[in-house]
Amino acid sequence: MKETIRYGFILGIICFLASAVLSVVNAVTAPKIEEQKMLEERAALEEVMPEADDFLAKSLGDSVYYLAFANQKLIGFVIKSSGEGYSSDIETLAGLDLKLEITNIKILSQNETPGLGNRVEEASFTEQFQGRDSNSIDQVEAITGATISSSAVIDSIKKQTSELENILLQEIKNAG
């Protein structure tokens, strides 16, 4: 009985020390991880809207979008969307000009099947979105063998642009 209590006590101390070390490591690395995420998102924003020199984040419920400025003048928007792919959620940024046509898209995160679903990041797929609005996104061709992943990207961007269309038009009106 005394052996069991002694081993339990030792195990408890080991667990406490391991938890303390993990807590300290998390406290030290969390700000750096957050800063890196912000830098990656900024780079992605610049990739989908390269003419912009500043971005202003806005949110509306679950929707996140950015106003894109060049020389303090509104030149477009970047919308963030997410769709459920075959094996993961696929998070996407789409740049929109003032006519609400897509300038470019960037896949922020995905864990789809290598060689199939992860092909949504390839230029042959993403370039199909350029110049399309919410009404013509359906004309983007899905990737053969990765229909679910392709559809997740197409549907999420279409849904987000349709939902935000009136708000973005109001932003254009307010800026003009």
Protein backbone atom coordinates (compact mmCIF):
# COMPACT_ATOMS: atom_id res chain seq x y z
CA MET A 1 0.00 0.00 0.00
CA LYS A 2 2.81 2.43 0.94
CA GLU A 3 4.59 1.58 -2.36
CA THR A 4 1.47 2.48 -4.37
CA ILE A 5 1.12 5.83 -2.62
CA ARG A 6 4.83 6.57 -3.08
CA TYR A 7 4.69 5.74 -6.83
CA GLY A 8 1.52 7.76 -7.23
CA PHE A 9 3.17 10.73 -5.52
CA ILE A 10 6.28 10.47 -7.74
CA LEU A 11 4.12 10.19 -10.86
CA GLY A 12 2.13 13.24 -9.75
CA ILE A 13 5.33 15.29 -9.34
CA ILE A 14 6.56 14.20 -12.77
CA CYS A 15 3.22 15.19 -14.35
CA PHE A 16 3.27 18.55 -12.55
CA LEU A 17 6.83 19.31 -13.74
CA ALA A 18 6.03 18.27 -17.32
CA SER A 19 2.93 20.48 -17.30
CA ALA A 20 4.93 23.41 -15.92
CA VAL A 21 7.60 23.04 -18.61
CA LEU A 22 4.96 22.85 -21.36
CA SER A 23 3.24 25.93 -19.97
CA VAL A 24 6.48 27.93 -19.96
CA VAL A 25 7.36 26.81 -23.50
CA ASN A 26 3.88 27.79 -24.69
CA ALA A 27 4.13 31.21 -23.02
CA VAL A 28 7.49 31.84 -24.71
CA THR A 29 6.54 30.61 -28.19
CA ALA A 30 2.89 31.75 -28.49
CA PRO A 31 3.70 35.41 -29.35
CA LYS A 32 6.28 34.33 -31.93
CA ILE A 33 3.84 31.88 -33.52
CA GLU A 34 1.13 34.58 -33.66
CA GLU A 35 3.59 37.05 -35.21
CA GLN A 36 4.59 34.48 -37.84
CA LYS A 37 0.93 33.82 -38.69
CA MET A 38 0.36 37.56 -39.14
CA LEU A 39 3.41 37.84 -41.43
CA GLU A 40 2.22 34.88 -43.52
CA GLU A 41 -1.28 36.34 -43.80
CA ARG A 42 0.14 39.74 -44.79
CA ALA A 43 2.24 38.05 -47.50
CA ALA A 44 -0.86 36.19 -48.74
CA LEU A 45 -2.85 39.46 -48.80
CA GLU A 46 -0.11 41.07 -50.89
CA GLU A 47 -0.09 38.06 -53.20
CA VAL A 48 -3.80 38.24 -54.03
CA MET A 49 -3.84 42.06 -54.22
CA PRO A 50 -0.28 43.06 -55.23
CA GLU A 51 -1.18 46.68 -56.08
CA ALA A 52 -2.26 47.37 -52.49
CA ASP A 53 0.06 48.99 -49.98
CA ASP A 54 -2.29 48.78 -46.98
CA PHE A 55 -5.10 46.56 -45.75
CA LEU A 56 -7.84 47.17 -43.23
CA ALA A 57 -9.45 44.10 -41.66
CA LYS A 58 -13.21 44.06 -41.18
CA SER A 59 -15.52 41.39 -39.87
CA LEU A 60 -19.21 40.78 -40.15
CA GLY A 61 -20.38 37.87 -38.04
CA ASP A 62 -18.26 34.92 -39.12
CA SER A 63 -17.11 36.65 -42.31
CA VAL A 64 -13.71 38.34 -42.53
CA TYR A 65 -12.76 40.66 -45.34
CA TYR A 66 -10.10 43.30 -45.93
CA LEU A 67 -10.27 46.65 -47.64
CA ALA A 68 -7.25 47.05 -49.93
CA PHE A 69 -5.77 50.51 -50.39
CA ALA A 70 -3.13 51.98 -52.70
CA ASN A 71 -2.01 55.50 -51.85
CA GLN A 72 -4.89 55.71 -49.33
CA LYS A 73 -7.44 55.02 -52.09
CA LEU A 74 -9.70 51.96 -52.04
CA ILE A 75 -8.69 49.65 -54.89
CA GLY A 76 -10.41 46.42 -53.90
CA PHE A 77 -11.08 43.79 -51.29
CA VAL A 78 -9.71 40.52 -50.03
CA ILE A 79 -12.20 38.00 -48.68
CA LYS A 80 -11.41 35.02 -46.52
CA SER A 81 -13.42 31.86 -47.04
CA SER A 82 -13.35 28.30 -45.82
CA GLY A 83 -14.89 25.14 -47.22
CA GLU A 84 -14.94 21.51 -46.18
CA GLY A 85 -12.78 19.47 -48.55
CA TYR A 86 -12.29 15.72 -48.72
CA SER A 87 -10.09 15.42 -45.64
CA SER A 88 -9.79 18.92 -44.20
CA ASP A 89 -11.11 22.45 -44.23
CA ILE A 90 -9.62 24.50 -47.05
CA GLU A 91 -9.04 28.15 -46.15
CA THR A 92 -8.78 30.58 -49.05
CA LEU A 93 -8.13 34.28 -49.70
CA ALA A 94 -9.61 35.87 -52.81
CA GLY A 95 -8.74 39.34 -54.08
CA LEU A 96 -11.57 41.35 -55.66
CA ASP A 97 -11.29 44.53 -57.67
CA LEU A 98 -13.87 47.33 -57.47
CA LYS A 99 -16.03 45.55 -60.08
CA LEU A 100 -16.08 42.61 -57.60
CA GLU A 101 -14.20 40.43 -60.06
CA ILE A 102 -11.55 38.09 -58.70
CA THR A 103 -7.98 39.23 -59.26
CA ASN A 104 -6.30 36.21 -57.69
CA ILE A 105 -6.82 33.51 -55.07
CA LYS A 106 -4.45 31.92 -52.55
CA ILE A 107 -5.00 28.73 -50.58
CA LEU A 108 -3.99 29.56 -47.01
CA SER A 109 -4.31 26.11 -45.52
CA GLN A 110 -5.36 22.62 -46.55
CA ASN A 111 -4.52 19.04 -45.64
CA GLU A 112 -5.98 17.30 -48.64
CA THR A 113 -4.69 14.07 -50.18
CA PRO A 114 -1.18 14.59 -51.61
CA GLY A 115 -1.15 14.37 -55.39
CA LEU A 116 -4.92 14.80 -55.69
CA GLY A 117 -6.75 17.21 -53.40
CA ASN A 118 -3.72 19.35 -52.70
CA ARG A 119 -3.64 20.22 -56.43
CA VAL A 120 -6.10 23.02 -55.59
CA GLU A 121 -2.97 25.09 -54.88
CA GLU A 122 -1.65 24.69 -58.44
CA ALA A 123 -1.75 27.67 -60.79
CA SER A 124 -3.69 25.67 -63.39
CA PHE A 125 -6.62 25.63 -60.95
CA THR A 126 -6.26 28.99 -59.18
CA GLU A 127 -5.78 31.01 -62.38
CA GLN A 128 -9.25 29.96 -63.56
CA PHE A 129 -10.77 32.30 -60.96
CA GLN A 130 -9.20 35.46 -62.39
CA GLY A 131 -11.74 37.86 -63.87
CA ARG A 132 -14.75 35.94 -62.55
CA ASP A 133 -17.51 37.35 -60.37
CA SER A 134 -19.90 35.52 -58.05
CA ASN A 135 -22.15 34.61 -61.01
CA SER A 136 -19.43 33.04 -63.16
CA ILE A 137 -17.40 31.17 -60.52
CA ASP A 138 -19.40 28.03 -61.35
CA GLN A 139 -17.57 27.92 -64.69
CA VAL A 140 -14.28 27.07 -62.97
CA GLU A 141 -13.38 23.49 -63.89
CA ALA A 142 -12.82 21.09 -61.00
CA ILE A 143 -9.65 19.04 -60.86
CA THR A 144 -10.16 15.48 -62.11
CA GLY A 145 -9.87 13.12 -59.14
CA ALA A 146 -10.21 15.97 -56.68
CA THR A 147 -13.78 17.08 -57.25
CA ILE A 148 -14.60 17.42 -53.55
CA SER A 149 -11.54 19.58 -52.84
CA SER A 150 -12.10 21.71 -55.95
CA SER A 151 -15.77 22.15 -55.14
CA ALA A 152 -14.92 23.18 -51.59
CA VAL A 153 -12.78 26.05 -52.89
CA ILE A 154 -15.26 27.07 -55.62
CA ASP A 155 -18.31 26.90 -53.35
CA SER A 156 -16.68 28.69 -50.41
CA ILE A 157 -15.51 31.61 -52.57
CA LYS A 158 -18.88 31.82 -54.33
CA LYS A 159 -20.77 31.75 -51.02
CA GLN A 160 -18.54 34.37 -49.42
CA THR A 161 -18.62 36.76 -52.40
CA SER A 162 -22.40 36.42 -52.65
CA GLU A 163 -22.89 37.04 -48.93
CA LEU A 164 -20.58 40.05 -48.84
CA GLU A 165 -21.55 41.56 -52.21
CA ASN A 166 -23.96 44.20 -50.84
CA ILE A 167 -21.55 45.14 -48.04
CA LEU A 168 -18.65 45.50 -50.47
CA LEU A 169 -20.77 47.62 -52.80
CA GLN A 170 -21.63 49.84 -49.82
CA GLU A 171 -17.90 50.12 -49.01
CA ILE A 172 -17.26 51.27 -52.60
CA LYS A 173 -20.06 53.82 -52.32
CA ASN A 174 -18.71 55.13 -49.00
CA ALA A 175 -15.17 55.43 -50.40
CA GLY A 176 -16.32 57.26 -53.55
